[in-house]
């Protein structure tokens, strides 16, 4: 089982150590089957549907992970880390701020 997840609707894997998921739904399926991996590389914008409506984003996936962890359904590994490779600067900052804030809170709560 890969312990690195790469969420992106267009880009190819940076290397073979990652598992590629192309959408929010694929990412959910992966997490439900395998748990939260030790490392996730996030894209923010994950495309549009057939009606040109924006699909759920990497930020939505980050919020899902936090919700699952807060509700003790899934847990972030103790050594969890992430990177946001998105070209969307606002989306990138949103994911980073959200996850860093939660992980800081979680680590302070452990102490």
N, C-alpha and C. Protein backbone atom coordinates (compact mmCIF):
# COMPACT_ATOMS: atom_id res chain seq x y z
N UNK A 1 0.84 -1.20 0.00
CA UNK A 1 0.00 0.00 0.00
C UNK A 1 0.88 1.25 0.00
N UNK A 2 0.58 2.14 -0.91
CA UNK A 2 1.30 3.41 -0.94
C UNK A 2 0.91 4.25 0.26
N UNK A 3 1.86 4.94 0.80
CA UNK A 3 1.54 5.83 1.92
C UNK A 3 1.57 7.29 1.48
N UNK A 4 1.61 7.50 0.16
CA UNK A 4 1.58 8.85 -0.39
C UNK A 4 0.46 8.94 -1.42
N UNK A 5 -0.38 9.96 -1.26
CA UNK A 5 -1.52 10.15 -2.15
C UNK A 5 -1.32 11.44 -2.94
N UNK A 6 -1.66 11.40 -4.23
CA UNK A 6 -1.52 12.56 -5.11
C UNK A 6 -2.89 12.85 -5.70
N UNK A 7 -3.49 13.97 -5.28
CA UNK A 7 -4.82 14.37 -5.74
C UNK A 7 -4.69 15.43 -6.82
N UNK A 8 -5.03 15.07 -8.05
CA UNK A 8 -4.93 16.01 -9.16
C UNK A 8 -5.76 15.50 -10.34
N UNK A 9 -6.53 16.40 -10.95
CA UNK A 9 -7.38 16.00 -12.07
C UNK A 9 -6.65 15.96 -13.41
N UNK A 10 -5.48 16.57 -13.51
CA UNK A 10 -4.79 16.68 -14.80
C UNK A 10 -3.34 16.18 -14.76
N UNK A 11 -2.58 16.64 -13.78
CA UNK A 11 -1.15 16.32 -13.73
C UNK A 11 -0.90 14.83 -13.54
N UNK A 12 0.26 14.40 -14.03
CA UNK A 12 0.71 13.03 -13.81
C UNK A 12 1.49 12.95 -12.51
N UNK A 13 1.70 11.74 -12.04
CA UNK A 13 2.44 11.53 -10.79
C UNK A 13 3.86 12.06 -10.89
N UNK A 14 4.36 12.67 -9.79
CA UNK A 14 5.76 13.10 -9.79
C UNK A 14 6.72 11.91 -9.80
N UNK A 15 6.31 10.80 -9.18
CA UNK A 15 7.08 9.56 -9.21
C UNK A 15 6.18 8.40 -8.80
N UNK A 16 6.69 7.21 -8.88
CA UNK A 16 5.88 6.01 -8.66
C UNK A 16 5.60 5.70 -7.19
N UNK A 17 6.09 6.53 -6.28
CA UNK A 17 5.84 6.27 -4.86
C UNK A 17 4.45 6.73 -4.43
N UNK A 18 3.73 7.41 -5.32
CA UNK A 18 2.40 7.94 -5.02
C UNK A 18 1.29 7.05 -5.60
N UNK A 19 0.12 7.14 -5.00
CA UNK A 19 -1.11 6.64 -5.60
C UNK A 19 -1.86 7.85 -6.13
N UNK A 20 -2.30 7.80 -7.38
CA UNK A 20 -2.98 8.92 -8.02
C UNK A 20 -4.49 8.79 -7.86
N UNK A 21 -5.13 9.88 -7.44
CA UNK A 21 -6.58 9.99 -7.45
C UNK A 21 -6.92 11.27 -8.22
N UNK A 22 -7.89 11.16 -9.12
CA UNK A 22 -8.21 12.26 -10.04
C UNK A 22 -9.35 13.16 -9.59
N UNK A 23 -10.09 12.78 -8.54
CA UNK A 23 -11.25 13.57 -8.13
C UNK A 23 -11.47 13.46 -6.63
N UNK A 24 -12.32 14.32 -6.14
CA UNK A 24 -12.73 14.28 -4.73
C UNK A 24 -13.31 12.91 -4.40
N UNK A 25 -14.18 12.40 -5.27
CA UNK A 25 -14.81 11.10 -5.00
C UNK A 25 -13.80 9.95 -5.00
N UNK A 26 -12.84 9.99 -5.92
CA UNK A 26 -11.79 8.97 -5.92
C UNK A 26 -10.96 9.06 -4.64
N UNK A 27 -10.70 10.27 -4.19
CA UNK A 27 -9.93 10.47 -2.96
C UNK A 27 -10.70 9.91 -1.76
N UNK A 28 -12.02 10.15 -1.72
CA UNK A 28 -12.84 9.61 -0.62
C UNK A 28 -12.80 8.08 -0.62
N UNK A 29 -12.93 7.49 -1.80
CA UNK A 29 -12.89 6.03 -1.90
C UNK A 29 -11.55 5.50 -1.40
N UNK A 30 -10.47 6.14 -1.80
CA UNK A 30 -9.14 5.70 -1.36
C UNK A 30 -9.02 5.75 0.17
N UNK A 31 -9.44 6.87 0.76
CA UNK A 31 -9.34 7.06 2.21
C UNK A 31 -10.21 6.05 2.96
N UNK A 32 -11.41 5.81 2.45
CA UNK A 32 -12.30 4.85 3.11
C UNK A 32 -11.74 3.44 3.07
N UNK A 33 -11.03 3.09 2.00
CA UNK A 33 -10.46 1.74 1.85
C UNK A 33 -9.11 1.58 2.54
N UNK A 34 -8.33 2.67 2.62
CA UNK A 34 -6.94 2.58 3.07
C UNK A 34 -6.59 3.43 4.29
N UNK A 35 -7.50 4.28 4.72
CA UNK A 35 -7.18 5.22 5.79
C UNK A 35 -6.44 6.43 5.24
N UNK A 36 -6.12 7.35 6.11
CA UNK A 36 -5.40 8.57 5.70
C UNK A 36 -3.92 8.22 5.58
N UNK A 37 -3.33 8.48 4.40
CA UNK A 37 -1.90 8.15 4.23
C UNK A 37 -1.00 9.13 4.99
N UNK A 38 0.26 8.78 5.09
CA UNK A 38 1.22 9.62 5.82
C UNK A 38 1.49 10.94 5.09
N UNK A 39 1.28 10.96 3.76
CA UNK A 39 1.56 12.17 2.98
C UNK A 39 0.52 12.32 1.88
N UNK A 40 0.03 13.55 1.71
CA UNK A 40 -0.89 13.86 0.61
C UNK A 40 -0.38 15.12 -0.10
N UNK A 41 -0.34 15.06 -1.42
CA UNK A 41 -0.07 16.24 -2.24
C UNK A 41 -1.40 16.65 -2.87
N UNK A 42 -1.83 17.87 -2.57
CA UNK A 42 -3.15 18.37 -2.96
C UNK A 42 -3.09 19.30 -4.18
N UNK A 43 -4.04 19.12 -5.08
CA UNK A 43 -4.39 20.14 -6.05
C UNK A 43 -5.66 20.77 -5.51
N UNK A 44 -5.91 22.03 -5.82
CA UNK A 44 -7.15 22.66 -5.36
C UNK A 44 -8.28 22.46 -6.35
N UNK A 45 -8.09 22.94 -7.58
CA UNK A 45 -9.15 22.90 -8.58
C UNK A 45 -9.17 21.53 -9.25
N UNK A 46 -10.32 20.86 -9.16
CA UNK A 46 -10.44 19.50 -9.69
C UNK A 46 -11.43 19.40 -10.84
N UNK A 47 -11.55 20.48 -11.60
CA UNK A 47 -12.34 20.45 -12.82
C UNK A 47 -13.79 20.83 -12.64
N UNK A 48 -14.53 20.63 -13.74
CA UNK A 48 -15.95 20.97 -13.79
C UNK A 48 -16.73 19.77 -14.31
N UNK A 49 -18.04 19.76 -14.01
CA UNK A 49 -18.89 18.67 -14.52
C UNK A 49 -19.39 19.02 -15.93
N UNK A 50 -20.29 18.18 -16.45
CA UNK A 50 -20.79 18.37 -17.82
C UNK A 50 -21.58 19.66 -17.98
N UNK A 51 -22.02 20.28 -16.88
CA UNK A 51 -22.74 21.55 -16.94
C UNK A 51 -21.84 22.74 -16.59
N UNK A 52 -20.53 22.49 -16.59
CA UNK A 52 -19.54 23.53 -16.27
C UNK A 52 -19.62 24.00 -14.81
N UNK A 53 -20.23 23.20 -13.96
CA UNK A 53 -20.28 23.51 -12.53
C UNK A 53 -19.01 22.97 -11.88
N UNK A 54 -18.40 23.79 -11.01
CA UNK A 54 -17.16 23.36 -10.36
C UNK A 54 -17.39 22.09 -9.54
N UNK A 55 -16.48 21.17 -9.68
CA UNK A 55 -16.51 19.94 -8.89
C UNK A 55 -15.91 20.20 -7.51
N UNK A 56 -16.17 19.34 -6.52
CA UNK A 56 -15.54 19.52 -5.21
C UNK A 56 -14.02 19.62 -5.36
N UNK A 57 -13.42 20.43 -4.50
CA UNK A 57 -12.01 20.80 -4.61
C UNK A 57 -11.12 20.04 -3.62
N UNK A 58 -9.84 20.27 -3.75
CA UNK A 58 -8.89 19.74 -2.77
C UNK A 58 -9.16 20.31 -1.38
N UNK A 59 -9.64 21.54 -1.33
CA UNK A 59 -10.01 22.14 -0.04
C UNK A 59 -11.18 21.38 0.58
N UNK A 60 -12.15 20.99 -0.24
CA UNK A 60 -13.26 20.19 0.26
C UNK A 60 -12.75 18.86 0.83
N UNK A 61 -11.77 18.27 0.16
CA UNK A 61 -11.19 17.02 0.63
C UNK A 61 -10.46 17.22 1.96
N UNK A 62 -9.72 18.32 2.08
CA UNK A 62 -9.03 18.62 3.34
C UNK A 62 -10.05 18.78 4.48
N UNK A 63 -11.16 19.45 4.21
CA UNK A 63 -12.20 19.62 5.23
C UNK A 63 -12.81 18.28 5.60
N UNK A 64 -13.00 17.40 4.63
CA UNK A 64 -13.53 16.07 4.90
C UNK A 64 -12.58 15.30 5.83
N UNK A 65 -11.28 15.36 5.55
CA UNK A 65 -10.30 14.65 6.38
C UNK A 65 -10.34 15.14 7.83
N UNK A 66 -10.42 16.44 8.00
CA UNK A 66 -10.47 17.01 9.35
C UNK A 66 -11.76 16.57 10.06
N UNK A 67 -12.87 16.62 9.34
CA UNK A 67 -14.14 16.20 9.94
C UNK A 67 -14.09 14.73 10.38
N UNK A 68 -13.52 13.87 9.55
CA UNK A 68 -13.42 12.44 9.89
C UNK A 68 -12.52 12.23 11.11
N UNK A 69 -11.44 13.01 11.18
CA UNK A 69 -10.53 12.91 12.32
C UNK A 69 -11.19 13.43 13.60
N UNK A 70 -11.87 14.55 13.50
CA UNK A 70 -12.54 15.13 14.67
C UNK A 70 -13.62 14.21 15.22
N UNK A 71 -14.28 13.46 14.33
CA UNK A 71 -15.35 12.55 14.74
C UNK A 71 -14.85 11.14 15.03
N UNK A 72 -13.53 10.98 15.07
CA UNK A 72 -12.90 9.69 15.37
C UNK A 72 -13.35 8.57 14.42
N UNK A 73 -13.61 8.93 13.18
CA UNK A 73 -13.96 7.94 12.16
C UNK A 73 -12.70 7.47 11.45
N UNK A 74 -11.84 8.41 11.12
CA UNK A 74 -10.51 8.15 10.57
C UNK A 74 -9.53 9.00 11.35
N UNK A 75 -8.26 8.63 11.33
CA UNK A 75 -7.26 9.41 12.07
C UNK A 75 -6.08 9.77 11.19
N UNK A 76 -5.60 11.00 11.38
CA UNK A 76 -4.36 11.39 10.73
C UNK A 76 -3.22 10.58 11.37
N UNK A 77 -2.31 10.03 10.57
CA UNK A 77 -1.14 9.36 11.15
C UNK A 77 -0.33 10.38 11.96
N UNK A 78 0.36 9.92 12.99
CA UNK A 78 1.17 10.83 13.81
C UNK A 78 2.20 11.58 12.99
N UNK A 79 2.73 10.95 11.95
CA UNK A 79 3.75 11.57 11.10
C UNK A 79 3.17 12.21 9.84
N UNK A 80 1.87 12.53 9.83
CA UNK A 80 1.21 13.07 8.64
C UNK A 80 1.86 14.38 8.20
N UNK A 81 2.05 14.50 6.89
CA UNK A 81 2.49 15.77 6.30
C UNK A 81 1.81 15.91 4.94
N UNK A 82 1.87 17.11 4.40
CA UNK A 82 1.20 17.37 3.13
C UNK A 82 1.92 18.47 2.37
N UNK A 83 1.58 18.56 1.10
CA UNK A 83 2.07 19.62 0.23
C UNK A 83 0.90 20.02 -0.66
N UNK A 84 0.82 21.29 -1.02
CA UNK A 84 -0.23 21.74 -1.95
C UNK A 84 0.48 22.20 -3.22
N UNK A 85 0.31 21.44 -4.29
CA UNK A 85 0.97 21.75 -5.56
C UNK A 85 0.08 22.55 -6.51
N UNK A 86 -1.05 23.03 -6.05
CA UNK A 86 -2.01 23.76 -6.87
C UNK A 86 -1.43 25.06 -7.42
N UNK A 87 -1.83 25.39 -8.65
CA UNK A 87 -1.45 26.67 -9.26
C UNK A 87 -2.39 27.79 -8.82
N UNK A 88 -3.45 27.46 -8.08
CA UNK A 88 -4.41 28.45 -7.60
C UNK A 88 -3.89 28.98 -6.25
N UNK A 89 -3.38 30.23 -6.22
CA UNK A 89 -2.74 30.72 -4.99
C UNK A 89 -3.70 30.85 -3.81
N UNK A 90 -4.94 31.23 -4.05
CA UNK A 90 -5.91 31.36 -2.96
C UNK A 90 -6.30 29.97 -2.46
N UNK A 91 -6.56 29.06 -3.39
CA UNK A 91 -6.89 27.69 -3.01
C UNK A 91 -5.76 27.03 -2.24
N UNK A 92 -4.54 27.25 -2.70
CA UNK A 92 -3.35 26.71 -2.02
C UNK A 92 -3.28 27.22 -0.58
N UNK A 93 -3.45 28.52 -0.41
CA UNK A 93 -3.39 29.10 0.93
C UNK A 93 -4.52 28.59 1.81
N UNK A 94 -5.71 28.43 1.25
CA UNK A 94 -6.84 27.92 2.04
C UNK A 94 -6.56 26.53 2.58
N UNK A 95 -6.06 25.63 1.72
CA UNK A 95 -5.77 24.27 2.17
C UNK A 95 -4.67 24.28 3.22
N UNK A 96 -3.59 25.01 2.95
CA UNK A 96 -2.47 25.06 3.90
C UNK A 96 -2.91 25.62 5.25
N UNK A 97 -3.64 26.73 5.24
CA UNK A 97 -4.07 27.35 6.49
C UNK A 97 -5.00 26.43 7.28
N UNK A 98 -5.93 25.81 6.58
CA UNK A 98 -6.91 24.94 7.23
C UNK A 98 -6.23 23.73 7.87
N UNK A 99 -5.42 23.03 7.08
CA UNK A 99 -4.77 21.82 7.62
C UNK A 99 -3.73 22.16 8.68
N UNK A 100 -2.91 23.20 8.45
CA UNK A 100 -1.91 23.57 9.45
C UNK A 100 -2.57 23.98 10.76
N UNK A 101 -3.67 24.72 10.68
CA UNK A 101 -4.38 25.14 11.88
C UNK A 101 -4.93 23.94 12.65
N UNK A 102 -5.54 23.01 11.94
CA UNK A 102 -6.10 21.83 12.61
C UNK A 102 -5.00 20.95 13.19
N UNK A 103 -3.96 20.70 12.42
CA UNK A 103 -2.89 19.82 12.91
C UNK A 103 -2.18 20.43 14.11
N UNK A 104 -2.03 21.76 14.12
CA UNK A 104 -1.43 22.43 15.28
C UNK A 104 -2.33 22.24 16.50
N UNK A 105 -3.62 22.45 16.33
CA UNK A 105 -4.59 22.26 17.40
C UNK A 105 -4.54 20.82 17.91
N UNK A 106 -4.53 19.86 17.00
CA UNK A 106 -4.52 18.44 17.37
C UNK A 106 -3.25 18.09 18.14
N UNK A 107 -2.11 18.59 17.70
CA UNK A 107 -0.85 18.30 18.37
C UNK A 107 -0.78 18.94 19.75
N UNK A 108 -1.33 20.13 19.90
CA UNK A 108 -1.36 20.79 21.21
C UNK A 108 -2.28 20.04 22.16
N UNK A 109 -3.37 19.48 21.62
CA UNK A 109 -4.33 18.73 22.43
C UNK A 109 -3.70 17.43 22.96
N UNK A 110 -2.78 16.84 22.17
CA UNK A 110 -2.12 15.59 22.56
C UNK A 110 -1.21 15.75 23.75
N UNK A 111 -0.62 16.94 23.89
CA UNK A 111 0.40 17.17 24.91
C UNK A 111 -0.16 17.15 26.30
